């Protein structure tokens, strides 16, 4: 898929969803950061069931650091890998207090230095909390980039770089949301629902499913 076709693909998604937003519940950069860290290998819906009570108990880095790993754990037991995530959230909260004055930094290197924060998480926080034009590639976007021909790549970083190159600049900030929501609800892993895809005309996937299965 060339840049012009990629632009048409993304504009079709934009028309279908003109105001895309993250589905994670958050109130500020800190609660967003924690929610994204907790969402690794877990659905946003599962995270959203845990975080309201956690954020009520510890709405700031200082409060979260005081809560500690043992205090965080009971709030997030329902999500995958909760022990490691509790440890990371406690540690990143302490680092925010000790090294950043209790504020989430709007800087990639500083974010990626925090426990539990990789490139994808940093990209989400920079995009959603700070309005930066970043492209966070999760499993949905990785699959979609390769399946549709939009941005083929063997690694998430390769797909990210291809998407940034091909995406019209004015669409880049929202493109992450369009793609993740499209991958989550339409271009699904087991069977893409091509019959309701707004960008089906621009998609290069050879095995399109153009009608729902018979029941």
C-alpha atoms as a PDB file:
ATOM      1  CA  UNK A   1       0.000   0.000   0.000  1.00  0.00           C
ATOM      2  CA  UNK A   2       1.552   3.308  -1.052  1.00  0.00           C
ATOM      3  CA  UNK A   3       1.274   6.566   0.877  1.00  0.00           C
ATOM      4  CA  UNK A   4      -1.696   7.826  -1.150  1.00  0.00           C
ATOM      5  CA  UNK A   5      -3.629   4.598  -0.623  1.00  0.00           C
ATOM      6  CA  UNK A   6      -2.683   4.588   3.078  1.00  0.00           C
ATOM      7  CA  UNK A   7      -4.046   8.111   3.375  1.00  0.00           C
ATOM      8  CA  UNK A   8      -7.318   7.049   1.789  1.00  0.00           C
ATOM      9  CA  UNK A   9      -7.508   4.065   4.155  1.00  0.00           C
ATOM     10  CA  UNK A  10      -7.045   6.263   7.233  1.00  0.00           C
ATOM     11  CA  UNK A  11      -9.439   8.932   5.989  1.00  0.00           C
ATOM     12  CA  UNK A  12     -12.112   6.265   5.563  1.00  0.00           C
ATOM     13  CA  UNK A  13     -11.631   5.257   9.192  1.00  0.00           C
ATOM     14  CA  UNK A  14     -11.745   8.937  10.187  1.00  0.00           C
ATOM     15  CA  UNK A  15     -15.102   9.463   8.505  1.00  0.00           C
ATOM     16  CA  UNK A  16     -16.523   6.456  10.341  1.00  0.00           C
ATOM     17  CA  UNK A  17     -15.107   7.574  13.709  1.00  0.00           C
ATOM     18  CA  UNK A  18     -14.365  11.329  13.663  1.00  0.00           C
ATOM     19  CA  UNK A  19     -13.528  11.682  17.387  1.00  0.00           C
ATOM     20  CA  UNK A  20     -11.597   8.581  18.489  1.00  0.00           C
ATOM     21  CA  UNK A  21     -10.471   8.245  22.098  1.00  0.00           C
ATOM     22  CA  UNK A  22      -8.725   5.705  24.265  1.00  0.00           C
ATOM     23  CA  UNK A  23     -11.083   3.330  26.034  1.00  0.00           C
ATOM     24  CA  UNK A  24      -9.004   3.348  29.221  1.00  0.00           C
ATOM     25  CA  UNK A  25     -10.441   5.295  32.142  1.00  0.00           C
ATOM     26  CA  UNK A  26      -8.153   8.061  33.408  1.00  0.00           C
ATOM     27  CA  UNK A  27      -8.273  11.613  34.748  1.00  0.00           C
ATOM     28  CA  UNK A  28      -4.738  12.942  34.271  1.00  0.00           C
ATOM     29  CA  UNK A  29      -1.336  11.897  32.877  1.00  0.00           C
ATOM     30  CA  UNK A  30      -0.502   9.844  35.974  1.00  0.00           C
ATOM     31  CA  UNK A  31      -3.672   7.771  35.997  1.00  0.00           C
ATOM     32  CA  UNK A  32      -3.331   7.310  32.231  1.00  0.00           C
ATOM     33  CA  UNK A  33       0.241   6.079  32.653  1.00  0.00           C
ATOM     34  CA  UNK A  34      -0.788   3.578  35.312  1.00  0.00           C
ATOM     35  CA  UNK A  35      -3.760   2.368  33.260  1.00  0.00           C
ATOM     36  CA  UNK A  36      -1.590   1.803  30.194  1.00  0.00           C
ATOM     37  CA  UNK A  37       1.012  -0.095  32.222  1.00  0.00           C
ATOM     38  CA  UNK A  38      -1.746  -2.286  33.657  1.00  0.00           C
ATOM     39  CA  UNK A  39      -3.218  -2.912  30.187  1.00  0.00           C
ATOM     40  CA  UNK A  40      -0.223  -4.899  28.935  1.00  0.00           C
ATOM     41  CA  UNK A  41      -1.476  -8.333  27.797  1.00  0.00           C
ATOM     42  CA  UNK A  42      -4.860  -7.465  29.313  1.00  0.00           C
ATOM     43  CA  UNK A  43      -7.996  -5.907  27.842  1.00  0.00           C
ATOM     44  CA  UNK A  44      -8.888  -2.290  28.514  1.00  0.00           C
ATOM     45  CA  UNK A  45     -12.246  -3.490  29.823  1.00  0.00           C
ATOM     46  CA  UNK A  46     -10.544  -5.626  32.480  1.00  0.00           C
ATOM     47  CA  UNK A  47      -8.302  -2.746  33.520  1.00  0.00           C
ATOM     48  CA  UNK A  48     -11.270  -0.381  33.761  1.00  0.00           C
ATOM     49  CA  UNK A  49     -12.909  -2.681  36.302  1.00  0.00           C
ATOM     50  CA  UNK A  50      -9.919  -2.334  38.626  1.00  0.00           C
ATOM     51  CA  UNK A  51      -8.658   1.207  38.285  1.00  0.00           C
ATOM     52  CA  UNK A  52     -11.534   3.310  39.679  1.00  0.00           C
ATOM     53  CA  UNK A  53     -11.040   1.891  43.170  1.00  0.00           C
ATOM     54  CA  UNK A  54      -7.237   1.984  42.820  1.00  0.00           C
ATOM     55  CA  UNK A  55      -7.247   5.618  41.716  1.00  0.00           C
ATOM     56  CA  UNK A  56      -9.632   6.584  44.483  1.00  0.00           C
ATOM     57  CA  UNK A  57      -7.221   5.093  47.010  1.00  0.00           C
ATOM     58  CA  UNK A  58      -4.094   6.487  45.319  1.00  0.00           C
ATOM     59  CA  UNK A  59      -4.771   9.322  42.853  1.00  0.00           C
ATOM     60  CA  UNK A  60      -1.227  10.732  42.834  1.00  0.00           C
ATOM     61  CA  UNK A  61       2.295   9.326  42.512  1.00  0.00           C
ATOM     62  CA  UNK A  62       2.970  10.074  46.178  1.00  0.00           C
ATOM     63  CA  UNK A  63      -0.175   8.255  47.286  1.00  0.00           C
ATOM     64  CA  UNK A  64       0.571   5.316  44.977  1.00  0.00           C
ATOM     65  CA  UNK A  65       4.134   5.075  46.274  1.00  0.00           C
ATOM     66  CA  UNK A  66       2.817   5.117  49.838  1.00  0.00           C
ATOM     67  CA  UNK A  67       0.345   2.363  48.975  1.00  0.00           C
ATOM     68  CA  UNK A  68       3.231   0.232  47.748  1.00  0.00           C
ATOM     69  CA  UNK A  69       3.306  -3.083  45.953  1.00  0.00           C
ATOM     70  CA  UNK A  70       1.466  -4.907  48.747  1.00  0.00           C
ATOM     71  CA  UNK A  71      -1.257  -2.269  48.826  1.00  0.00           C
ATOM     72  CA  UNK A  72      -1.685  -2.064  45.052  1.00  0.00           C
ATOM     73  CA  UNK A  73      -1.935  -5.823  44.537  1.00  0.00           C
ATOM     74  CA  UNK A  74      -5.426  -6.397  45.979  1.00  0.00           C
ATOM     75  CA  UNK A  75      -6.912  -3.790  43.625  1.00  0.00           C
ATOM     76  CA  UNK A  76      -5.584  -5.435  40.455  1.00  0.00           C
ATOM     77  CA  UNK A  77      -5.775  -9.163  41.160  1.00  0.00           C
ATOM     78  CA  UNK A  78      -8.346  -9.609  38.386  1.00  0.00           C
ATOM     79  CA  UNK A  79      -5.918  -8.684  35.611  1.00  0.00           C
ATOM     80  CA  UNK A  80      -3.142 -10.746  34.103  1.00  0.00           C
ATOM     81  CA  UNK A  81       0.400 -10.581  35.499  1.00  0.00           C
ATOM     82  CA  UNK A  82      -0.870  -8.521  38.414  1.00  0.00           C
ATOM     83  CA  UNK A  83       2.056  -9.254  40.737  1.00  0.00           C
ATOM     84  CA  UNK A  84       4.643  -7.829  38.349  1.00  0.00           C
ATOM     85  CA  UNK A  85       2.382  -4.919  37.466  1.00  0.00           C
ATOM     86  CA  UNK A  86       1.868  -4.042  41.135  1.00  0.00           C
ATOM     87  CA  UNK A  87       5.628  -4.023  41.585  1.00  0.00           C
ATOM     88  CA  UNK A  88       6.159  -1.820  38.523  1.00  0.00           C
ATOM     89  CA  UNK A  89       3.423   0.667  39.402  1.00  0.00           C
ATOM     90  CA  UNK A  90       4.792   1.091  42.929  1.00  0.00           C
ATOM     91  CA  UNK A  91       8.318   1.563  41.589  1.00  0.00           C
ATOM     92  CA  UNK A  92       7.346   4.026  38.843  1.00  0.00           C
ATOM     93  CA  UNK A  93       5.329   6.059  41.348  1.00  0.00           C
ATOM     94  CA  UNK A  94       8.393   6.320  43.587  1.00  0.00           C
ATOM     95  CA  UNK A  95      10.542   7.390  40.632  1.00  0.00           C
ATOM     96  CA  UNK A  96       8.042  10.058  39.642  1.00  0.00           C
ATOM     97  CA  UNK A  97       8.160  11.476  43.165  1.00  0.00           C
ATOM     98  CA  UNK A  98      11.922  11.235  43.570  1.00  0.00           C
ATOM     99  CA  UNK A  99      13.084  12.229  40.082  1.00  0.00           C
ATOM    100  CA  UNK A 100      10.269  14.221  38.470  1.00  0.00           C
ATOM    101  CA  UNK A 101       8.618  16.161  41.273  1.00  0.00           C
ATOM    102  CA  UNK A 102       5.558  13.934  41.195  1.00  0.00           C
ATOM    103  CA  UNK A 103       4.834  14.772  37.546  1.00  0.00           C
ATOM    104  CA  UNK A 104       4.688  12.492  34.505  1.00  0.00           C
ATOM    105  CA  UNK A 105       7.416  13.643  32.098  1.00  0.00           C
ATOM    106  CA  UNK A 106       6.460  14.543  28.540  1.00  0.00           C
ATOM    107  CA  UNK A 107       9.681  13.006  27.290  1.00  0.00           C
ATOM    108  CA  UNK A 108      10.163   9.603  25.695  1.00  0.00           C
ATOM    109  CA  UNK A 109      13.500   8.750  27.271  1.00  0.00           C
ATOM    110  CA  UNK A 110      12.287   9.705  30.743  1.00  0.00           C
ATOM    111  CA  UNK A 111       9.099   7.697  30.315  1.00  0.00           C
ATOM    112  CA  UNK A 112      10.901   4.610  29.034  1.00  0.00           C
ATOM    113  CA  UNK A 113      13.220   4.763  32.057  1.00  0.00           C
ATOM    114  CA  UNK A 114      10.229   4.114  34.327  1.00  0.00           C
ATOM    115  CA  UNK A 115       9.566   0.507  35.434  1.00  0.00           C
ATOM    116  CA  UNK A 116       7.047  -1.265  33.217  1.00  0.00           C
ATOM    117  CA  UNK A 117       7.133   1.430  30.535  1.00  0.00           C
ATOM    118  CA  UNK A 118       8.259   0.442  27.045  1.00  0.00           C
ATOM    119  CA  UNK A 119       8.038   2.229  23.728  1.00  0.00           C
ATOM    120  CA  UNK A 120       4.359   1.421  23.161  1.00  0.00           C
ATOM    121  CA  UNK A 121       3.308   2.683  26.589  1.00  0.00           C
ATOM    122  CA  UNK A 122       5.404   5.820  26.181  1.00  0.00           C
ATOM    123  CA  UNK A 123       3.820   6.475  22.788  1.00  0.00           C
ATOM    124  CA  UNK A 124       0.309   6.189  24.224  1.00  0.00           C
ATOM    125  CA  UNK A 125       1.064   8.587  27.074  1.00  0.00           C
ATOM    126  CA  UNK A 126       2.812  11.094  24.803  1.00  0.00           C
ATOM    127  CA  UNK A 127      -0.100  10.964  22.365  1.00  0.00           C
ATOM    128  CA  UNK A 128      -3.080  11.000  24.723  1.00  0.00           C
ATOM    129  CA  UNK A 129      -1.771  13.029  27.652  1.00  0.00           C
ATOM    130  CA  UNK A 130       0.535  15.445  25.833  1.00  0.00           C
ATOM    131  CA  UNK A 131      -0.895  15.658  22.324  1.00  0.00           C
ATOM    132  CA  UNK A 132       2.230  14.449  20.555  1.00  0.00           C
ATOM    133  CA  UNK A 133       2.082  12.827  17.117  1.00  0.00           C
ATOM    134  CA  UNK A 134       3.141   9.324  18.101  1.00  0.00           C
ATOM    135  CA  UNK A 135       2.083   5.889  16.862  1.00  0.00           C
ATOM    136  CA  UNK A 136       1.751   3.198  19.514  1.00  0.00           C
ATOM    137  CA  UNK A 137       1.751  -0.264  17.926  1.00  0.00           C
ATOM    138  CA  UNK A 138       0.008  -2.987  19.910  1.00  0.00           C
ATOM    139  CA  UNK A 139      -0.989  -6.477  18.750  1.00  0.00           C
ATOM    140  CA  UNK A 140      -4.090  -5.140  16.970  1.00  0.00           C
ATOM    141  CA  UNK A 141      -2.202  -2.506  14.982  1.00  0.00           C
ATOM    142  CA  UNK A 142       0.647  -4.906  14.230  1.00  0.00           C
ATOM    143  CA  UNK A 143      -1.836  -7.409  12.812  1.00  0.00           C
ATOM    144  CA  UNK A 144      -3.772  -4.772  10.898  1.00  0.00           C
ATOM    145  CA  UNK A 145      -0.643  -3.186   9.411  1.00  0.00           C
ATOM    146  CA  UNK A 146       0.495  -6.516   8.027  1.00  0.00           C
ATOM    147  CA  UNK A 147      -2.890  -7.938   7.035  1.00  0.00           C
ATOM    148  CA  UNK A 148      -4.117  -4.904   5.094  1.00  0.00           C
ATOM    149  CA  UNK A 149      -0.788  -3.974   3.534  1.00  0.00           C
ATOM    150  CA  UNK A 150      -1.000  -0.597   5.248  1.00  0.00           C
ATOM    151  CA  UNK A 151       2.364  -0.984   6.993  1.00  0.00           C
ATOM    152  CA  UNK A 152       3.951  -4.435   6.697  1.00  0.00           C
ATOM    153  CA  UNK A 153       6.748  -5.163   9.130  1.00  0.00           C
ATOM    154  CA  UNK A 154       8.331  -8.006  11.066  1.00  0.00           C
ATOM    155  CA  UNK A 155       8.477  -6.048  14.333  1.00  0.00           C
ATOM    156  CA  UNK A 156       6.245  -3.504  16.069  1.00  0.00           C
ATOM    157  CA  UNK A 157       8.949  -0.866  15.558  1.00  0.00           C
ATOM    158  CA  UNK A 158       9.032  -1.557  11.811  1.00  0.00           C
ATOM    159  CA  UNK A 159       5.251  -1.250  11.590  1.00  0.00           C
ATOM    160  CA  UNK A 160       5.350   1.950  13.660  1.00  0.00           C
ATOM    161  CA  UNK A 161       7.950   3.564  11.407  1.00  0.00           C
ATOM    162  CA  UNK A 162       6.063   2.559   8.254  1.00  0.00           C
ATOM    163  CA  UNK A 163       2.818   3.983   9.626  1.00  0.00           C
ATOM    164  CA  UNK A 164       4.480   7.276  10.571  1.00  0.00           C
ATOM    165  CA  UNK A 165       5.976   7.540   7.062  1.00  0.00           C
ATOM    166  CA  UNK A 166       2.715   6.837   5.290  1.00  0.00           C
ATOM    167  CA  UNK A 167       0.242   8.644   7.521  1.00  0.00           C
ATOM    168  CA  UNK A 168      -0.771  12.165   6.438  1.00  0.00           C
ATOM    169  CA  UNK A 169       0.659  14.509   9.106  1.00  0.00           C
ATOM    170  CA  UNK A 170      -2.722  15.971   9.989  1.00  0.00           C
ATOM    171  CA  UNK A 171      -4.052  12.480  10.772  1.00  0.00           C
ATOM    172  CA  UNK A 172      -1.106  11.104  12.736  1.00  0.00           C
ATOM    173  CA  UNK A 173      -2.219  12.011  16.234  1.00  0.00           C
ATOM    174  CA  UNK A 174      -5.577  10.234  15.876  1.00  0.00           C
ATOM    175  CA  UNK A 175      -4.364   7.406  13.640  1.00  0.00           C
ATOM    176  CA  UNK A 176      -3.339   5.224  16.593  1.00  0.00           C
ATOM    177  CA  UNK A 177      -6.877   5.343  17.963  1.00  0.00           C
ATOM    178  CA  UNK A 178      -8.534   4.688  14.608  1.00  0.00           C
ATOM    179  CA  UNK A 179      -6.325   1.683  13.990  1.00  0.00           C
ATOM    180  CA  UNK A 180      -6.514   0.110  17.434  1.00  0.00           C
ATOM    181  CA  UNK A 181     -10.293   0.436  17.576  1.00  0.00           C
ATOM    182  CA  UNK A 182     -10.601  -0.906  14.033  1.00  0.00           C
ATOM    183  CA  UNK A 183      -8.395  -3.865  14.896  1.00  0.00           C
ATOM    184  CA  UNK A 184     -10.271  -4.495  18.123  1.00  0.00           C
ATOM    185  CA  UNK A 185     -13.811  -4.390  16.752  1.00  0.00           C
ATOM    186  CA  UNK A 186     -13.740  -4.888  12.959  1.00  0.00           C
ATOM    187  CA  UNK A 187     -10.442  -6.254  11.633  1.00  0.00           C
ATOM    188  CA  UNK A 188     -10.411  -8.978  14.279  1.00  0.00           C
ATOM    189  CA  UNK A 189      -7.728 -11.605  14.691  1.00  0.00           C
ATOM    190  CA  UNK A 190      -9.760 -14.741  14.015  1.00  0.00           C
ATOM    191  CA  UNK A 191     -12.078 -13.390  11.345  1.00  0.00           C
ATOM    192  CA  UNK A 192     -12.020  -9.840  10.007  1.00  0.00           C
ATOM    193  CA  UNK A 193     -15.508  -8.438   9.550  1.00  0.00           C
ATOM    194  CA  UNK A 194     -14.739  -6.940   6.158  1.00  0.00           C
ATOM    195  CA  UNK A 195     -18.421  -6.601   5.317  1.00  0.00           C
ATOM    196  CA  UNK A 196     -18.656  -3.671   7.719  1.00  0.00           C
ATOM    197  CA  UNK A 197     -15.211  -2.156   7.177  1.00  0.00           C
ATOM    198  CA  UNK A 198     -15.331   1.479   5.981  1.00  0.00           C
ATOM    199  CA  UNK A 199     -11.912   1.079   4.349  1.00  0.00           C
ATOM    200  CA  UNK A 200     -12.511  -2.215   2.576  1.00  0.00           C
ATOM    201  CA  UNK A 201     -12.020  -0.610  -0.845  1.00  0.00           C
ATOM    202  CA  UNK A 202      -8.509   0.496   0.104  1.00  0.00           C
ATOM    203  CA  UNK A 203      -7.512  -2.744   1.872  1.00  0.00           C
ATOM    204  CA  UNK A 204      -5.109  -5.167   0.145  1.00  0.00           C
ATOM    205  CA  UNK A 205      -6.026  -8.226   2.217  1.00  0.00           C
ATOM    206  CA  UNK A 206      -6.543 -11.082  -0.232  1.00  0.00           C
ATOM    207  CA  UNK A 207      -8.919 -13.188   1.832  1.00  0.00           C
ATOM    208  CA  UNK A 208     -11.578 -10.602   2.632  1.00  0.00           C
ATOM    209  CA  UNK A 209     -14.667 -11.876   4.441  1.00  0.00           C
ATOM    210  CA  UNK A 210     -17.348  -9.922   2.652  1.00  0.00           C
ATOM    211  CA  UNK A 211     -20.417 -11.440   4.319  1.00  0.00           C
ATOM    212  CA  UNK A 212     -21.137 -12.521   7.898  1.00  0.00           C
ATOM    213  CA  UNK A 213     -21.099 -16.291   8.491  1.00  0.00           C
ATOM    214  CA  UNK A 214     -24.374 -18.155   8.227  1.00  0.00           C
ATOM    215  CA  UNK A 215     -25.950 -19.150  11.524  1.00  0.00           C
END
